[in-house]
Amino acid sequence: PVIPLFIVGALKAPATVLGPTEGVAGILLNLVPGWSGPLGDKMGKRVPFVRWGYGFTSLSKPAMALATAWPLASAARLADRFGKGLRNTSRDALLADVIEKDDAGRCFGYHRMMDAAGAVVGSLCGVALLLVFPGQYRLIFAVTIVPGIVAMWLTFLLKESKHAEPT
C-alpha cells in the first residue's frame, strides 16, 4: 500500500504512471518464470535463481528509499517483480524435488497459505508504519532492509536437491 502513495504523493508522478508501472510489473512477474524455470532445469540448479530472486526483491524496497524521481521508484518496483518471478519457479521446483508425491497438495497448499499470510501481514505492517510515521515513505522503505537481509540469509541455508540434474 505504500508504493503508490510514495510514487504519486512524494515523487509527484502523474497518477497515470501507476497503471503502466504495475502492468509491466505484472508482465515481468508472469513472463520471467517462463525462462527461469526451464533454465534452472537445464542447468540442474535451482538455488541460484532463488538467491538472485530474493536478492532483487530484498534490495528493491530499500532502493525506493533512495529514489529521487518516480522513474527510479518504478524501476525498483520492476526489480521487485522481476525477482519474484525469478525465484518462484525454482523455489517451487525445490519443494517438488524433496516432497513425497502423496504430500504434494499439502505441501503446496501450506506454502500458498503462508505466502498469502505473509502478504497480508506485510501490508498490515506497511499500513501500521504509515500510521506511526505518516508521510515518511523513505523511512518505511529503509526499514524493509531488515526482513530483506533475513530472507537473503535464509537462502544460504538452501541446498540443491539430488533431483535437480541438468537436462
N, C-alpha and C. Protein backbone atom coordinates (compact mmCIF):
# COMPACT_ATOMS: atom_id res chain seq x y z
N PRO A 1 0.81 -1.21 0.00
CA PRO A 1 0.00 0.00 0.00
C PRO A 1 0.85 1.28 0.00
N VAL A 2 2.12 1.17 0.30
CA VAL A 2 2.98 2.35 0.44
C VAL A 2 3.51 2.82 -0.91
N ILE A 3 3.80 1.90 -1.81
CA ILE A 3 4.46 2.25 -3.08
C ILE A 3 3.64 3.25 -3.91
N PRO A 4 2.36 3.02 -4.17
CA PRO A 4 1.62 4.00 -4.96
C PRO A 4 1.57 5.38 -4.29
N LEU A 5 1.40 5.40 -2.97
CA LEU A 5 1.38 6.68 -2.26
C LEU A 5 2.71 7.41 -2.41
N PHE A 6 3.79 6.67 -2.34
CA PHE A 6 5.12 7.26 -2.47
C PHE A 6 5.35 7.80 -3.88
N ILE A 7 5.01 7.00 -4.88
CA ILE A 7 5.27 7.41 -6.26
C ILE A 7 4.45 8.63 -6.64
N VAL A 8 3.18 8.63 -6.28
CA VAL A 8 2.30 9.75 -6.65
C VAL A 8 2.43 10.92 -5.65
N GLY A 9 2.47 10.58 -4.37
CA GLY A 9 2.49 11.64 -3.35
C GLY A 9 3.84 12.29 -3.18
N ALA A 10 4.85 11.52 -2.83
CA ALA A 10 6.16 12.09 -2.52
C ALA A 10 6.95 12.45 -3.78
N LEU A 11 6.88 11.59 -4.80
CA LEU A 11 7.68 11.83 -6.00
C LEU A 11 6.92 12.60 -7.08
N LYS A 12 5.66 12.90 -6.80
CA LYS A 12 4.84 13.74 -7.69
C LYS A 12 4.66 13.18 -9.10
N ALA A 13 4.61 11.88 -9.21
CA ALA A 13 4.35 11.27 -10.52
C ALA A 13 2.89 11.47 -10.87
N PRO A 14 2.58 11.61 -12.15
CA PRO A 14 1.16 11.64 -12.52
C PRO A 14 0.52 10.29 -12.18
N ALA A 15 -0.73 10.34 -11.77
CA ALA A 15 -1.43 9.10 -11.41
C ALA A 15 -1.44 8.11 -12.55
N THR A 16 -1.34 8.58 -13.77
CA THR A 16 -1.36 7.70 -14.94
C THR A 16 -0.11 6.84 -15.05
N VAL A 17 0.88 7.10 -14.24
CA VAL A 17 2.13 6.31 -14.24
C VAL A 17 1.91 4.96 -13.54
N LEU A 18 1.02 4.94 -12.56
CA LEU A 18 0.84 3.72 -11.76
C LEU A 18 0.35 2.54 -12.59
N GLY A 19 -0.61 2.76 -13.47
CA GLY A 19 -1.16 1.67 -14.28
C GLY A 19 -0.10 1.00 -15.15
N PRO A 20 0.63 1.77 -15.95
CA PRO A 20 1.68 1.15 -16.78
C PRO A 20 2.79 0.50 -15.94
N THR A 21 3.16 1.12 -14.84
CA THR A 21 4.20 0.53 -13.99
C THR A 21 3.74 -0.82 -13.46
N GLU A 22 2.53 -0.88 -12.92
CA GLU A 22 2.01 -2.14 -12.40
C GLU A 22 1.75 -3.14 -13.51
N GLY A 23 1.35 -2.66 -14.68
CA GLY A 23 1.14 -3.55 -15.82
C GLY A 23 2.43 -4.22 -16.25
N VAL A 24 3.49 -3.45 -16.40
CA VAL A 24 4.79 -4.02 -16.78
C VAL A 24 5.31 -4.92 -15.66
N ALA A 25 5.08 -4.51 -14.40
CA ALA A 25 5.49 -5.35 -13.28
C ALA A 25 4.78 -6.70 -13.32
N GLY A 26 3.49 -6.69 -13.64
CA GLY A 26 2.73 -7.94 -13.77
C GLY A 26 3.23 -8.80 -14.92
N ILE A 27 3.57 -8.15 -16.02
CA ILE A 27 4.12 -8.88 -17.16
C ILE A 27 5.42 -9.57 -16.77
N LEU A 28 6.32 -8.82 -16.10
CA LEU A 28 7.58 -9.42 -15.66
C LEU A 28 7.33 -10.61 -14.73
N LEU A 29 6.45 -10.40 -13.77
CA LEU A 29 6.15 -11.45 -12.80
C LEU A 29 5.65 -12.72 -13.47
N ASN A 30 4.96 -12.57 -14.60
CA ASN A 30 4.40 -13.74 -15.28
C ASN A 30 5.26 -14.29 -16.40
N LEU A 31 6.13 -13.48 -16.99
CA LEU A 31 6.98 -13.96 -18.07
C LEU A 31 8.32 -14.52 -17.61
N VAL A 32 8.89 -13.92 -16.58
CA VAL A 32 10.22 -14.36 -16.12
C VAL A 32 10.25 -15.85 -15.75
N PRO A 33 9.22 -16.38 -15.07
CA PRO A 33 9.26 -17.82 -14.77
C PRO A 33 9.30 -18.69 -16.03
N GLY A 34 8.81 -18.16 -17.14
CA GLY A 34 8.81 -18.92 -18.39
C GLY A 34 10.19 -19.23 -18.91
N TRP A 35 11.18 -18.42 -18.56
CA TRP A 35 12.55 -18.75 -18.97
C TRP A 35 13.42 -19.17 -17.79
N SER A 36 13.13 -18.65 -16.57
CA SER A 36 14.00 -19.01 -15.44
C SER A 36 13.78 -20.45 -15.00
N GLY A 37 12.54 -20.93 -15.05
CA GLY A 37 12.28 -22.32 -14.67
C GLY A 37 12.96 -23.31 -15.59
N PRO A 38 12.74 -23.20 -16.91
CA PRO A 38 13.43 -24.11 -17.83
C PRO A 38 14.96 -23.98 -17.76
N LEU A 39 15.46 -22.76 -17.56
CA LEU A 39 16.91 -22.58 -17.46
C LEU A 39 17.46 -23.28 -16.22
N GLY A 40 16.72 -23.18 -15.11
CA GLY A 40 17.13 -23.90 -13.90
C GLY A 40 17.15 -25.40 -14.11
N ASP A 41 16.15 -25.91 -14.84
CA ASP A 41 16.12 -27.34 -15.17
C ASP A 41 17.33 -27.72 -16.03
N LYS A 42 17.59 -26.89 -17.02
CA LYS A 42 18.70 -27.19 -17.94
C LYS A 42 20.04 -27.18 -17.21
N MET A 43 20.22 -26.23 -16.30
CA MET A 43 21.46 -26.12 -15.55
C MET A 43 21.55 -27.15 -14.41
N GLY A 44 20.39 -27.66 -14.00
CA GLY A 44 20.38 -28.56 -12.85
C GLY A 44 20.61 -27.81 -11.55
N LYS A 45 20.30 -26.52 -11.55
CA LYS A 45 20.49 -25.68 -10.36
C LYS A 45 19.25 -24.82 -10.16
N ARG A 46 18.78 -24.83 -8.94
CA ARG A 46 17.62 -24.04 -8.60
C ARG A 46 17.97 -22.96 -7.58
N VAL A 47 18.89 -23.27 -6.69
CA VAL A 47 19.22 -22.36 -5.59
C VAL A 47 19.71 -20.99 -6.08
N PRO A 48 20.56 -20.90 -7.10
CA PRO A 48 20.98 -19.54 -7.52
C PRO A 48 19.81 -18.66 -7.96
N PHE A 49 18.80 -19.26 -8.60
CA PHE A 49 17.64 -18.49 -9.02
C PHE A 49 16.85 -18.00 -7.81
N VAL A 50 16.78 -18.84 -6.78
CA VAL A 50 16.10 -18.44 -5.55
C VAL A 50 16.87 -17.31 -4.89
N ARG A 51 18.19 -17.45 -4.78
CA ARG A 51 19.01 -16.40 -4.14
C ARG A 51 18.93 -15.08 -4.90
N TRP A 52 19.13 -15.13 -6.21
CA TRP A 52 19.08 -13.90 -7.00
C TRP A 52 17.69 -13.28 -6.93
N GLY A 53 16.67 -14.12 -6.97
CA GLY A 53 15.30 -13.61 -6.90
C GLY A 53 15.02 -12.90 -5.59
N TYR A 54 15.38 -13.55 -4.49
CA TYR A 54 15.19 -12.89 -3.19
C TYR A 54 16.10 -11.67 -3.08
N GLY A 55 17.27 -11.71 -3.70
CA GLY A 55 18.18 -10.57 -3.69
C GLY A 55 17.56 -9.35 -4.36
N PHE A 56 17.02 -9.55 -5.58
CA PHE A 56 16.37 -8.45 -6.29
C PHE A 56 15.23 -7.87 -5.44
N THR A 57 14.42 -8.75 -4.90
CA THR A 57 13.27 -8.31 -4.12
C THR A 57 13.71 -7.60 -2.84
N SER A 58 14.70 -8.16 -2.17
CA SER A 58 15.16 -7.59 -0.90
C SER A 58 15.79 -6.21 -1.09
N LEU A 59 16.45 -6.00 -2.21
CA LEU A 59 17.10 -4.71 -2.45
C LEU A 59 16.18 -3.67 -3.08
N SER A 60 15.09 -4.11 -3.67
CA SER A 60 14.23 -3.17 -4.39
C SER A 60 13.53 -2.18 -3.47
N LYS A 61 13.07 -2.63 -2.33
CA LYS A 61 12.35 -1.73 -1.43
C LYS A 61 13.30 -0.68 -0.82
N PRO A 62 14.45 -1.07 -0.30
CA PRO A 62 15.37 -0.03 0.17
C PRO A 62 15.83 0.90 -0.97
N ALA A 63 15.88 0.37 -2.19
CA ALA A 63 16.22 1.23 -3.34
C ALA A 63 15.15 2.31 -3.52
N MET A 64 13.92 2.00 -3.17
CA MET A 64 12.86 3.00 -3.22
C MET A 64 13.19 4.18 -2.31
N ALA A 65 13.77 3.87 -1.15
CA ALA A 65 14.12 4.93 -0.21
C ALA A 65 15.12 5.91 -0.81
N LEU A 66 15.92 5.44 -1.76
CA LEU A 66 16.93 6.27 -2.39
C LEU A 66 16.42 6.96 -3.66
N ALA A 67 15.24 6.58 -4.13
CA ALA A 67 14.71 7.14 -5.37
C ALA A 67 14.43 8.62 -5.21
N THR A 68 14.92 9.39 -6.17
CA THR A 68 14.71 10.84 -6.15
C THR A 68 13.68 11.28 -7.19
N ALA A 69 13.28 10.36 -8.03
CA ALA A 69 12.29 10.66 -9.07
C ALA A 69 11.48 9.39 -9.32
N TRP A 70 10.25 9.58 -9.81
CA TRP A 70 9.37 8.43 -9.97
C TRP A 70 9.89 7.37 -10.93
N PRO A 71 10.65 7.70 -12.00
CA PRO A 71 11.17 6.61 -12.83
C PRO A 71 12.09 5.65 -12.06
N LEU A 72 12.84 6.19 -11.09
CA LEU A 72 13.70 5.32 -10.28
C LEU A 72 12.87 4.42 -9.37
N ALA A 73 11.82 4.97 -8.80
CA ALA A 73 10.93 4.17 -7.95
C ALA A 73 10.22 3.11 -8.79
N SER A 74 9.81 3.48 -10.00
CA SER A 74 9.18 2.49 -10.89
C SER A 74 10.15 1.39 -11.25
N ALA A 75 11.41 1.74 -11.49
CA ALA A 75 12.43 0.73 -11.79
C ALA A 75 12.63 -0.21 -10.61
N ALA A 76 12.60 0.33 -9.40
CA ALA A 76 12.73 -0.51 -8.21
C ALA A 76 11.54 -1.47 -8.11
N ARG A 77 10.36 -0.99 -8.45
CA ARG A 77 9.17 -1.85 -8.44
C ARG A 77 9.30 -2.98 -9.46
N LEU A 78 9.83 -2.64 -10.64
CA LEU A 78 10.03 -3.66 -11.67
C LEU A 78 11.08 -4.68 -11.21
N ALA A 79 12.13 -4.22 -10.53
CA ALA A 79 13.14 -5.15 -9.99
C ALA A 79 12.53 -6.09 -8.97
N ASP A 80 11.62 -5.57 -8.17
CA ASP A 80 10.93 -6.40 -7.18
C ASP A 80 10.14 -7.53 -7.85
N ARG A 81 9.37 -7.19 -8.87
CA ARG A 81 8.57 -8.20 -9.56
C ARG A 81 9.43 -9.15 -10.38
N PHE A 82 10.53 -8.63 -10.96
CA PHE A 82 11.47 -9.50 -11.66
C PHE A 82 12.03 -10.53 -10.69
N GLY A 83 12.42 -10.09 -9.51
CA GLY A 83 12.96 -11.01 -8.50
C GLY A 83 11.96 -12.06 -8.08
N LYS A 84 10.72 -11.64 -7.90
CA LYS A 84 9.70 -12.62 -7.51
C LYS A 84 9.50 -13.65 -8.61
N GLY A 85 9.45 -13.18 -9.85
CA GLY A 85 9.31 -14.11 -10.97
C GLY A 85 10.50 -15.05 -11.09
N LEU A 86 11.67 -14.53 -10.81
CA LEU A 86 12.90 -15.33 -10.91
C LEU A 86 12.94 -16.44 -9.87
N ARG A 87 12.51 -16.14 -8.67
CA ARG A 87 12.65 -17.11 -7.58
C ARG A 87 11.53 -18.13 -7.49
N ASN A 88 10.31 -17.73 -7.86
CA ASN A 88 9.15 -18.58 -7.58
C ASN A 88 9.22 -19.96 -8.23
N THR A 89 9.55 -20.03 -9.50
CA THR A 89 9.57 -21.32 -10.19
C THR A 89 10.61 -22.25 -9.59
N SER A 90 11.80 -21.71 -9.35
CA SER A 90 12.86 -22.55 -8.79
C SER A 90 12.56 -22.96 -7.36
N ARG A 91 11.95 -22.06 -6.59
CA ARG A 91 11.58 -22.41 -5.22
C ARG A 91 10.55 -23.53 -5.22
N ASP A 92 9.56 -23.42 -6.11
CA ASP A 92 8.54 -24.46 -6.20
C ASP A 92 9.15 -25.78 -6.67
N ALA A 93 10.11 -25.70 -7.60
CA ALA A 93 10.78 -26.92 -8.08
C ALA A 93 11.59 -27.56 -6.95
N LEU A 94 12.24 -26.73 -6.13
CA LEU A 94 12.97 -27.28 -4.97
C LEU A 94 12.02 -28.03 -4.05
N LEU A 95 10.86 -27.44 -3.80
CA LEU A 95 9.86 -28.11 -2.96
C LEU A 95 9.43 -29.43 -3.60
N ALA A 96 9.13 -29.37 -4.89
CA ALA A 96 8.67 -30.58 -5.59
C ALA A 96 9.73 -31.67 -5.57
N ASP A 97 11.00 -31.28 -5.61
CA ASP A 97 12.09 -32.26 -5.60
C ASP A 97 12.19 -33.03 -4.29
N VAL A 98 11.79 -32.41 -3.19
CA VAL A 98 12.06 -33.04 -1.89
C VAL A 98 10.83 -33.60 -1.19
N ILE A 99 9.64 -33.36 -1.72
CA ILE A 99 8.45 -33.88 -1.04
C ILE A 99 8.03 -35.21 -1.64
N GLU A 100 7.36 -35.98 -0.83
CA GLU A 100 6.77 -37.22 -1.31
C GLU A 100 5.56 -36.87 -2.18
N LYS A 101 5.35 -37.64 -3.21
CA LYS A 101 4.26 -37.36 -4.15
C LYS A 101 2.91 -37.26 -3.44
N ASP A 102 2.69 -38.10 -2.45
CA ASP A 102 1.42 -38.09 -1.73
C ASP A 102 1.22 -36.84 -0.88
N ASP A 103 2.29 -36.09 -0.61
CA ASP A 103 2.21 -34.89 0.22
C ASP A 103 2.22 -33.60 -0.60
N ALA A 104 2.18 -33.70 -1.93
CA ALA A 104 2.30 -32.51 -2.78
C ALA A 104 1.20 -31.49 -2.51
N GLY A 105 -0.03 -31.92 -2.43
CA GLY A 105 -1.13 -31.00 -2.19
C GLY A 105 -1.00 -30.29 -0.86
N ARG A 106 -0.65 -31.04 0.16
CA ARG A 106 -0.49 -30.45 1.49
C ARG A 106 0.68 -29.47 1.50
N CYS A 107 1.78 -29.86 0.88
CA CYS A 107 2.97 -29.01 0.85
C CYS A 107 2.70 -27.70 0.12
N PHE A 108 2.17 -27.80 -1.10
CA PHE A 108 1.94 -26.58 -1.87
C PHE A 108 0.79 -25.76 -1.30
N GLY A 109 -0.21 -26.43 -0.74
CA GLY A 109 -1.29 -25.71 -0.08
C GLY A 109 -0.79 -24.91 1.11
N TYR A 110 0.05 -25.54 1.92
CA TYR A 110 0.63 -24.85 3.08
C TYR A 110 1.50 -23.68 2.61
N HIS A 111 2.30 -23.92 1.58
CA HIS A 111 3.16 -22.86 1.07
C HIS A 111 2.34 -21.67 0.60
N ARG A 112 1.30 -21.91 -0.20
CA ARG A 112 0.47 -20.81 -0.70
C ARG A 112 -0.23 -20.08 0.45
N MET A 113 -0.69 -20.85 1.45
CA MET A 113 -1.34 -20.24 2.60
C MET A 113 -0.37 -19.31 3.32
N MET A 114 0.84 -19.78 3.56
CA MET A 114 1.82 -18.96 4.27
C MET A 114 2.27 -17.77 3.42
N ASP A 115 2.37 -17.94 2.12
CA ASP A 115 2.72 -16.84 1.24
C ASP A 115 1.64 -15.75 1.30
N ALA A 116 0.38 -16.16 1.24
CA ALA A 116 -0.72 -15.20 1.33
C ALA A 116 -0.75 -14.53 2.70
N ALA A 117 -0.50 -15.31 3.76
CA ALA A 117 -0.47 -14.73 5.11
C ALA A 117 0.66 -13.70 5.21
N GLY A 118 1.79 -13.99 4.61
CA GLY A 118 2.90 -13.04 4.62
C GLY A 118 2.55 -11.76 3.89
N ALA A 119 1.83 -11.88 2.80
CA ALA A 119 1.41 -10.69 2.05
C ALA A 119 0.45 -9.85 2.88
N VAL A 120 -0.46 -10.49 3.59
CA VAL A 120 -1.40 -9.77 4.44
C VAL A 120 -0.66 -9.09 5.59
N VAL A 121 0.20 -9.84 6.26
CA VAL A 121 0.96 -9.27 7.38
C VAL A 121 1.86 -8.13 6.90
N GLY A 122 2.50 -8.32 5.76
CA GLY A 122 3.36 -7.26 5.21
C GLY A 122 2.57 -6.00 4.91
N SER A 123 1.40 -6.16 4.31
CA SER A 123 0.56 -4.99 4.02
C SER A 123 0.09 -4.31 5.29
N LEU A 124 -0.29 -5.11 6.29
CA LEU A 124 -0.71 -4.52 7.56
C LEU A 124 0.43 -3.79 8.24
N CYS A 125 1.64 -4.34 8.14
CA CYS A 125 2.81 -3.65 8.70
C CYS A 125 3.06 -2.34 7.97
N GLY A 126 2.89 -2.35 6.66
CA GLY A 126 3.04 -1.12 5.88
C GLY A 126 2.04 -0.06 6.31
N VAL A 127 0.78 -0.46 6.49
CA VAL A 127 -0.25 0.48 6.94
C VAL A 127 0.07 0.98 8.36
N ALA A 128 0.48 0.07 9.23
CA ALA A 128 0.82 0.47 10.60
C ALA A 128 1.98 1.47 10.60
N LEU A 129 2.99 1.20 9.79
CA LEU A 129 4.11 2.14 9.71
C LEU A 129 3.67 3.49 9.15
N LEU A 130 2.74 3.48 8.21
CA LEU A 130 2.20 4.75 7.70
C LEU A 130 1.47 5.53 8.78
N LEU A 131 0.78 4.80 9.66
CA LEU A 131 0.06 5.47 10.75
C LEU A 131 1.04 6.05 11.78
N VAL A 132 2.10 5.30 12.06
CA VAL A 132 3.09 5.76 13.05
C VAL A 132 4.00 6.84 12.47
N PHE A 133 4.36 6.69 11.21
CA PHE A 133 5.26 7.63 10.54
C PHE A 133 4.58 8.20 9.28
N PRO A 134 3.54 9.00 9.44
CA PRO A 134 2.81 9.48 8.27
C PRO A 134 3.70 10.29 7.32
N GLY A 135 3.64 9.91 6.05
CA GLY A 135 4.39 10.62 5.03
C GLY A 135 5.89 10.33 4.98
N GLN A 136 6.38 9.50 5.88
CA GLN A 136 7.82 9.21 5.92
C GLN A 136 8.11 7.92 5.14
N TYR A 137 7.81 7.97 3.85
CA TYR A 137 7.92 6.80 2.99
C TYR A 137 9.34 6.25 2.94
N ARG A 138 10.31 7.13 2.86
CA ARG A 138 11.70 6.67 2.75
C ARG A 138 12.12 5.87 3.99
N LEU A 139 11.69 6.30 5.14
CA LEU A 139 11.97 5.56 6.37
C LEU A 139 11.31 4.20 6.34
N ILE A 140 10.07 4.16 5.89
CA ILE A 140 9.34 2.89 5.81
C ILE A 140 10.04 1.92 4.86
N PHE A 141 10.48 2.42 3.69
CA PHE A 141 11.20 1.56 2.76
C PHE A 141 12.55 1.13 3.33
N ALA A 142 13.21 2.02 4.05
CA ALA A 142 14.51 1.69 4.63
C ALA A 142 14.38 0.58 5.68
N VAL A 143 13.28 0.57 6.40
CA VAL A 143 13.04 -0.46 7.42
C VAL A 143 13.00 -1.85 6.80
N THR A 144 12.59 -1.93 5.55
CA THR A 144 12.46 -3.24 4.90
C THR A 144 13.80 -3.93 4.67
N ILE A 145 14.90 -3.24 4.90
CA ILE A 145 16.21 -3.87 4.73
C ILE A 145 16.37 -5.02 5.73
N VAL A 146 15.76 -4.90 6.90
CA VAL A 146 15.91 -5.94 7.94
C VAL A 146 15.29 -7.26 7.50
N PRO A 147 14.00 -7.30 7.14
CA PRO A 147 13.47 -8.59 6.67
C PRO A 147 14.13 -9.05 5.37
N GLY A 148 14.59 -8.10 4.56
CA GLY A 148 15.29 -8.46 3.33
C GLY A 148 16.60 -9.20 3.62
N ILE A 149 17.34 -8.72 4.59
CA ILE A 149 18.59 -9.37 4.98
C ILE A 149 18.31 -10.76 5.54
N VAL A 150 17.27 -10.88 6.34
CA VAL A 150 16.90 -12.19 6.90
C VAL A 150 16.53 -13.15 5.77
N ALA A 151 15.71 -12.68 4.82
CA ALA A 151 15.31 -13.53 3.69
C ALA A 151 16.53 -13.98 2.90
N MET A 152 17.44 -13.06 2.63
CA MET A 152 18.64 -13.41 1.87
C MET A 152 19.49 -14.42 2.64
N TRP A 153 19.67 -14.19 3.93
CA TRP A 153 20.47 -15.09 4.75
C TRP A 153 19.87 -16.50 4.72
N LEU A 154 18.56 -16.59 4.79
CA LEU A 154 17.92 -17.90 4.78
C LEU A 154 18.18 -18.65 3.47
N THR A 155 18.34 -17.93 2.37
CA THR A 155 18.60 -18.63 1.10
C THR A 155 19.95 -19.33 1.11
N PHE A 156 20.87 -18.89 1.95
CA PHE A 156 22.18 -19.53 2.02
C PHE A 156 22.13 -20.82 2.84
N LEU A 157 20.99 -21.12 3.43
CA LEU A 157 20.80 -22.40 4.10
C LEU A 157 20.27 -23.46 3.13
N LEU A 158 19.85 -23.03 1.94
CA LEU A 158 19.32 -23.96 0.94
C LEU A 158 20.43 -24.79 0.32
N LYS A 159 20.08 -26.00 -0.03
CA LYS A 159 20.99 -26.88 -0.76
C LYS A 159 20.26 -27.41 -1.99
N GLU A 160 21.02 -27.63 -3.04
CA GLU A 160 20.42 -28.21 -4.24
C GLU A 160 19.88 -29.59 -3.91
N SER A 161 18.76 -29.93 -4.51
CA SER A 161 18.22 -31.26 -4.32
C SER A 161 18.94 -32.22 -5.25
N LYS A 162 18.89 -33.49 -4.88
CA LYS A 162 19.53 -34.51 -5.71
C LYS A 162 18.78 -34.71 -7.03
N HIS A 163 17.52 -34.28 -7.08
CA HIS A 163 16.70 -34.47 -8.27
C HIS A 163 16.97 -33.41 -9.35
N ALA A 164 17.62 -32.32 -8.95
CA ALA A 164 17.85 -31.20 -9.89
C ALA A 164 19.09 -31.48 -10.73
N GLU A 165 18.97 -32.41 -11.65
CA GLU A 165 20.08 -32.73 -12.53
C GLU A 165 19.89 -32.03 -13.87
N PRO A 166 20.99 -31.63 -14.51
CA PRO A 166 20.86 -30.96 -15.81
C PRO A 166 20.11 -31.83 -16.81
N THR A 167 19.29 -31.16 -17.63
CA THR A 167 18.56 -31.92 -18.65
C THR A 167 19.20 -31.75 -20.02
